[in-house]
Amino acid sequence: MKIAAFGDSFIFGSDLNDCNYPTYSIKTWPALIAKNLNVEYKCYAKPGCGNRYILNQLLDNINSDYFYIIQWTWIDRYDYSTDNGWQTVRPSLDNKKIDQFYYKNLHS
């Protein structure tokens, strides 16, 4: 058995002291479970992402050899793909014009 985890910063561990982006923390609960079971662990989480990104990562990396841990994130995050990769709209203090438009016209 191997463990793969998908989610946002809670699964990535971006607020933990051993996290050094792009390297995830080995102190998150999925990483500790894998360590305790002495099995391989892969983390596909991304801090600040939305549920669409999480689902896309799961579908792109599905493999029958793994046990999956999936932690969905806030519904206020919306992911979309561009030529420059995945982008996330989220309510924050550093709102971009697209964020403001989304929350004013589409999310409400």
N, C-alpha and C. Protein backbone atom coordinates (compact mmCIF):
# COMPACT_ATOMS: atom_id res chain seq x y z
N MET A 1 0.84 -1.18 0.00
CA MET A 1 0.00 0.00 0.00
C MET A 1 0.88 1.24 0.00
N LYS A 2 0.40 2.27 -0.67
CA LYS A 2 1.03 3.59 -0.70
C LYS A 2 -0.07 4.60 -0.40
N ILE A 3 0.31 5.76 0.10
CA ILE A 3 -0.65 6.80 0.42
C ILE A 3 -0.39 8.03 -0.43
N ALA A 4 -1.45 8.59 -1.01
CA ALA A 4 -1.38 9.84 -1.75
C ALA A 4 -2.41 10.79 -1.14
N ALA A 5 -2.01 12.04 -0.92
CA ALA A 5 -2.90 13.02 -0.30
C ALA A 5 -3.11 14.21 -1.24
N PHE A 6 -4.34 14.70 -1.25
CA PHE A 6 -4.75 15.82 -2.10
C PHE A 6 -5.47 16.84 -1.24
N GLY A 7 -5.21 18.12 -1.48
CA GLY A 7 -5.88 19.15 -0.72
C GLY A 7 -5.19 20.49 -0.88
N ASP A 8 -5.37 21.35 0.13
CA ASP A 8 -4.78 22.69 0.10
C ASP A 8 -3.67 22.77 1.14
N SER A 9 -3.50 23.93 1.75
CA SER A 9 -2.38 24.14 2.68
C SER A 9 -2.43 23.24 3.91
N PHE A 10 -3.62 22.80 4.31
CA PHE A 10 -3.71 21.92 5.47
C PHE A 10 -3.03 20.58 5.20
N ILE A 11 -3.13 20.07 4.00
CA ILE A 11 -2.49 18.81 3.62
C ILE A 11 -1.04 19.05 3.23
N PHE A 12 -0.75 20.20 2.60
CA PHE A 12 0.61 20.55 2.21
C PHE A 12 1.46 20.88 3.43
N GLY A 13 0.84 21.50 4.43
CA GLY A 13 1.56 21.87 5.65
C GLY A 13 2.32 23.17 5.54
N SER A 14 1.83 24.10 4.74
CA SER A 14 2.58 25.32 4.48
C SER A 14 2.81 26.18 5.72
N ASP A 15 2.04 26.00 6.77
CA ASP A 15 2.23 26.77 8.00
C ASP A 15 3.08 26.05 9.05
N LEU A 16 3.57 24.88 8.71
CA LEU A 16 4.40 24.12 9.64
C LEU A 16 5.87 24.48 9.44
N ASN A 17 6.66 24.36 10.51
CA ASN A 17 8.04 24.85 10.48
C ASN A 17 8.99 24.05 9.59
N ASP A 18 8.62 22.86 9.16
CA ASP A 18 9.51 22.08 8.29
C ASP A 18 9.15 22.22 6.81
N CYS A 19 8.15 23.03 6.50
CA CYS A 19 7.72 23.21 5.13
C CYS A 19 8.56 24.29 4.47
N ASN A 20 9.11 23.97 3.31
CA ASN A 20 9.91 24.92 2.55
C ASN A 20 9.47 24.81 1.10
N TYR A 21 8.45 25.60 0.73
CA TYR A 21 7.84 25.48 -0.59
C TYR A 21 8.91 25.46 -1.67
N PRO A 22 8.90 24.54 -2.61
CA PRO A 22 7.82 23.64 -2.99
C PRO A 22 7.83 22.29 -2.28
N THR A 23 8.66 22.13 -1.26
CA THR A 23 8.69 20.87 -0.52
C THR A 23 7.65 20.90 0.59
N TYR A 24 6.79 19.89 0.62
CA TYR A 24 5.71 19.84 1.60
C TYR A 24 6.23 19.38 2.96
N SER A 25 5.42 19.60 3.98
CA SER A 25 5.77 19.21 5.34
C SER A 25 5.58 17.70 5.53
N ILE A 26 6.43 17.12 6.35
CA ILE A 26 6.26 15.70 6.72
C ILE A 26 5.60 15.59 8.09
N LYS A 27 5.04 16.73 8.58
CA LYS A 27 4.35 16.74 9.87
C LYS A 27 2.84 16.82 9.74
N THR A 28 2.30 16.74 8.52
CA THR A 28 0.85 16.75 8.34
C THR A 28 0.31 15.38 8.71
N TRP A 29 -0.99 15.33 8.97
CA TRP A 29 -1.55 14.04 9.41
C TRP A 29 -1.44 12.95 8.36
N PRO A 30 -1.60 13.20 7.04
CA PRO A 30 -1.40 12.10 6.09
C PRO A 30 0.06 11.62 6.05
N ALA A 31 1.00 12.55 6.15
CA ALA A 31 2.42 12.17 6.15
C ALA A 31 2.76 11.35 7.39
N LEU A 32 2.20 11.72 8.53
CA LEU A 32 2.46 10.96 9.76
C LEU A 32 1.84 9.57 9.72
N ILE A 33 0.67 9.46 9.11
CA ILE A 33 0.05 8.13 8.95
C ILE A 33 0.95 7.25 8.09
N ALA A 34 1.43 7.79 6.96
CA ALA A 34 2.31 7.02 6.08
C ALA A 34 3.59 6.61 6.80
N LYS A 35 4.15 7.53 7.57
CA LYS A 35 5.37 7.22 8.32
C LYS A 35 5.10 6.12 9.35
N ASN A 36 3.98 6.23 10.06
CA ASN A 36 3.63 5.24 11.08
C ASN A 36 3.41 3.86 10.46
N LEU A 37 2.82 3.82 9.26
CA LEU A 37 2.59 2.55 8.57
C LEU A 37 3.80 2.08 7.77
N ASN A 38 4.82 2.95 7.69
CA ASN A 38 6.04 2.66 6.94
C ASN A 38 5.74 2.37 5.46
N VAL A 39 4.96 3.28 4.87
CA VAL A 39 4.61 3.14 3.46
C VAL A 39 5.01 4.42 2.70
N GLU A 40 5.11 4.30 1.40
CA GLU A 40 5.44 5.44 0.55
C GLU A 40 4.34 6.48 0.62
N TYR A 41 4.74 7.76 0.58
CA TYR A 41 3.79 8.86 0.66
C TYR A 41 4.05 9.86 -0.46
N LYS A 42 2.97 10.28 -1.14
CA LYS A 42 3.04 11.33 -2.14
C LYS A 42 2.02 12.40 -1.79
N CYS A 43 2.45 13.65 -1.87
CA CYS A 43 1.58 14.77 -1.55
C CYS A 43 1.34 15.57 -2.83
N TYR A 44 0.07 15.67 -3.22
CA TYR A 44 -0.32 16.43 -4.40
C TYR A 44 -1.07 17.71 -4.02
N ALA A 45 -0.94 18.14 -2.79
CA ALA A 45 -1.64 19.33 -2.31
C ALA A 45 -0.95 20.60 -2.80
N LYS A 46 -1.73 21.68 -2.81
CA LYS A 46 -1.21 23.00 -3.20
C LYS A 46 -1.84 24.05 -2.30
N PRO A 47 -1.03 24.82 -1.59
CA PRO A 47 -1.58 25.87 -0.73
C PRO A 47 -2.42 26.87 -1.52
N GLY A 48 -3.58 27.21 -0.98
CA GLY A 48 -4.43 28.22 -1.57
C GLY A 48 -5.27 27.79 -2.75
N CYS A 49 -5.24 26.52 -3.10
CA CYS A 49 -5.99 26.07 -4.28
C CYS A 49 -7.46 25.85 -3.94
N GLY A 50 -8.26 25.61 -4.96
CA GLY A 50 -9.68 25.32 -4.81
C GLY A 50 -9.99 23.87 -5.10
N ASN A 51 -11.24 23.52 -5.00
CA ASN A 51 -11.66 22.13 -5.17
C ASN A 51 -11.51 21.61 -6.59
N ARG A 52 -11.64 22.47 -7.58
CA ARG A 52 -11.46 22.03 -8.96
C ARG A 52 -10.02 21.56 -9.19
N TYR A 53 -9.05 22.30 -8.65
CA TYR A 53 -7.65 21.90 -8.75
C TYR A 53 -7.42 20.56 -8.04
N ILE A 54 -7.98 20.42 -6.86
CA ILE A 54 -7.81 19.18 -6.09
C ILE A 54 -8.35 17.99 -6.89
N LEU A 55 -9.56 18.14 -7.44
CA LEU A 55 -10.15 17.07 -8.24
C LEU A 55 -9.30 16.77 -9.47
N ASN A 56 -8.80 17.79 -10.15
CA ASN A 56 -7.97 17.59 -11.33
C ASN A 56 -6.70 16.83 -10.99
N GLN A 57 -6.07 17.17 -9.86
CA GLN A 57 -4.86 16.46 -9.44
C GLN A 57 -5.17 14.99 -9.16
N LEU A 58 -6.30 14.73 -8.51
CA LEU A 58 -6.70 13.36 -8.22
C LEU A 58 -6.90 12.57 -9.51
N LEU A 59 -7.64 13.13 -10.45
CA LEU A 59 -7.92 12.43 -11.71
C LEU A 59 -6.65 12.22 -12.54
N ASP A 60 -5.73 13.18 -12.49
CA ASP A 60 -4.47 13.05 -13.24
C ASP A 60 -3.52 12.04 -12.63
N ASN A 61 -3.68 11.74 -11.36
CA ASN A 61 -2.71 10.88 -10.66
C ASN A 61 -3.32 9.63 -10.07
N ILE A 62 -4.48 9.24 -10.54
CA ILE A 62 -5.15 8.06 -9.98
C ILE A 62 -4.38 6.78 -10.33
N ASN A 63 -4.22 5.93 -9.33
CA ASN A 63 -3.45 4.70 -9.48
C ASN A 63 -3.96 3.71 -8.44
N SER A 64 -4.23 2.51 -8.86
CA SER A 64 -4.85 1.52 -7.95
C SER A 64 -3.93 1.08 -6.82
N ASP A 65 -2.65 1.42 -6.88
CA ASP A 65 -1.71 1.02 -5.82
C ASP A 65 -1.80 1.92 -4.59
N TYR A 66 -2.58 2.98 -4.67
CA TYR A 66 -2.59 3.98 -3.60
C TYR A 66 -3.89 3.98 -2.81
N PHE A 67 -3.76 4.35 -1.54
CA PHE A 67 -4.88 4.71 -0.69
C PHE A 67 -4.93 6.23 -0.72
N TYR A 68 -6.10 6.81 -1.03
CA TYR A 68 -6.21 8.25 -1.22
C TYR A 68 -6.80 8.95 -0.01
N ILE A 69 -6.17 10.06 0.34
CA ILE A 69 -6.69 10.96 1.35
C ILE A 69 -6.99 12.27 0.64
N ILE A 70 -8.25 12.70 0.68
CA ILE A 70 -8.67 13.91 -0.02
C ILE A 70 -9.32 14.85 0.98
N GLN A 71 -8.78 16.04 1.06
CA GLN A 71 -9.39 17.05 1.92
C GLN A 71 -9.83 18.21 1.04
N TRP A 72 -11.12 18.37 0.92
CA TRP A 72 -11.66 19.47 0.12
C TRP A 72 -11.45 20.79 0.85
N THR A 73 -11.47 21.87 0.10
CA THR A 73 -11.20 23.19 0.67
C THR A 73 -12.45 24.05 0.69
N TRP A 74 -12.28 25.33 0.91
CA TRP A 74 -13.38 26.28 1.02
C TRP A 74 -14.14 26.41 -0.29
N ILE A 75 -15.45 26.59 -0.21
CA ILE A 75 -16.23 26.78 -1.43
C ILE A 75 -16.00 28.16 -2.03
N ASP A 76 -15.39 29.06 -1.28
CA ASP A 76 -15.13 30.41 -1.78
C ASP A 76 -13.95 30.50 -2.74
N ARG A 77 -13.30 29.41 -3.01
CA ARG A 77 -12.18 29.39 -3.95
C ARG A 77 -12.65 28.81 -5.28
N TYR A 78 -12.26 29.46 -6.36
CA TYR A 78 -12.63 28.99 -7.69
C TYR A 78 -11.36 28.89 -8.54
N ASP A 79 -11.10 27.71 -9.10
CA ASP A 79 -9.92 27.47 -9.92
C ASP A 79 -10.27 27.51 -11.40
N TYR A 80 -9.35 27.99 -12.19
CA TYR A 80 -9.48 27.95 -13.64
C TYR A 80 -8.09 27.77 -14.24
N SER A 81 -8.05 27.17 -15.41
CA SER A 81 -6.78 26.87 -16.06
C SER A 81 -6.52 27.87 -17.19
N THR A 82 -5.27 28.33 -17.29
CA THR A 82 -4.85 29.22 -18.36
C THR A 82 -3.61 28.65 -19.01
N ASP A 83 -3.10 29.34 -20.01
CA ASP A 83 -1.84 28.92 -20.63
C ASP A 83 -0.68 28.96 -19.65
N ASN A 84 -0.82 29.73 -18.58
CA ASN A 84 0.22 29.85 -17.55
C ASN A 84 -0.01 28.90 -16.38
N GLY A 85 -0.92 27.94 -16.52
CA GLY A 85 -1.21 26.99 -15.44
C GLY A 85 -2.47 27.36 -14.69
N TRP A 86 -2.64 26.71 -13.55
CA TRP A 86 -3.84 26.91 -12.74
C TRP A 86 -3.79 28.25 -12.01
N GLN A 87 -4.93 28.92 -11.98
CA GLN A 87 -5.12 30.16 -11.24
C GLN A 87 -6.29 29.95 -10.28
N THR A 88 -6.25 30.64 -9.15
CA THR A 88 -7.32 30.51 -8.17
C THR A 88 -7.86 31.88 -7.80
N VAL A 89 -9.17 32.01 -7.84
CA VAL A 89 -9.86 33.20 -7.37
C VAL A 89 -10.27 32.90 -5.93
N ARG A 90 -9.93 33.82 -5.04
CA ARG A 90 -10.27 33.61 -3.63
C ARG A 90 -10.45 34.96 -2.94
N PRO A 91 -11.29 35.02 -1.93
CA PRO A 91 -11.46 36.28 -1.22
C PRO A 91 -10.23 36.55 -0.36
N SER A 92 -9.55 37.63 -0.65
CA SER A 92 -8.35 37.97 0.12
C SER A 92 -8.13 39.46 0.05
N LEU A 93 -7.16 39.92 0.79
CA LEU A 93 -6.87 41.35 0.82
C LEU A 93 -6.16 41.83 -0.45
N ASP A 94 -5.56 40.92 -1.19
CA ASP A 94 -4.83 41.30 -2.40
C ASP A 94 -5.65 40.96 -3.66
N ASN A 95 -6.93 41.30 -3.63
CA ASN A 95 -7.83 40.98 -4.74
C ASN A 95 -7.35 41.56 -6.06
N LYS A 96 -7.42 40.74 -7.08
CA LYS A 96 -7.17 41.18 -8.45
C LYS A 96 -8.53 41.57 -9.04
N LYS A 97 -8.51 42.19 -10.19
CA LYS A 97 -9.78 42.60 -10.82
C LYS A 97 -10.67 41.40 -11.09
N ILE A 98 -10.09 40.28 -11.50
CA ILE A 98 -10.90 39.10 -11.79
C ILE A 98 -11.55 38.57 -10.52
N ASP A 99 -10.83 38.65 -9.39
CA ASP A 99 -11.40 38.22 -8.11
C ASP A 99 -12.59 39.09 -7.75
N GLN A 100 -12.43 40.40 -7.87
CA GLN A 100 -13.50 41.34 -7.53
C GLN A 100 -14.72 41.11 -8.42
N PHE A 101 -14.50 40.92 -9.72
CA PHE A 101 -15.60 40.67 -10.64
C PHE A 101 -16.32 39.38 -10.28
N TYR A 102 -15.57 38.31 -10.01
CA TYR A 102 -16.17 37.02 -9.67
C TYR A 102 -17.06 37.12 -8.44
N TYR A 103 -16.56 37.72 -7.37
CA TYR A 103 -17.34 37.78 -6.14
C TYR A 103 -18.51 38.75 -6.22
N LYS A 104 -18.37 39.80 -7.02
CA LYS A 104 -19.47 40.77 -7.15
C LYS A 104 -20.58 40.25 -8.05
N ASN A 105 -20.23 39.59 -9.17
CA ASN A 105 -21.21 39.26 -10.19
C ASN A 105 -21.58 37.78 -10.29
N LEU A 106 -20.70 36.88 -9.92
CA LEU A 106 -20.96 35.47 -10.14
C LEU A 106 -21.17 34.66 -8.86
N HIS A 107 -20.41 34.94 -7.84
CA HIS A 107 -20.47 34.14 -6.63
C HIS A 107 -21.66 34.47 -5.74
N SER A 108 -22.15 35.69 -5.82
CA SER A 108 -23.24 36.10 -4.93
C SER A 108 -24.57 35.51 -5.37
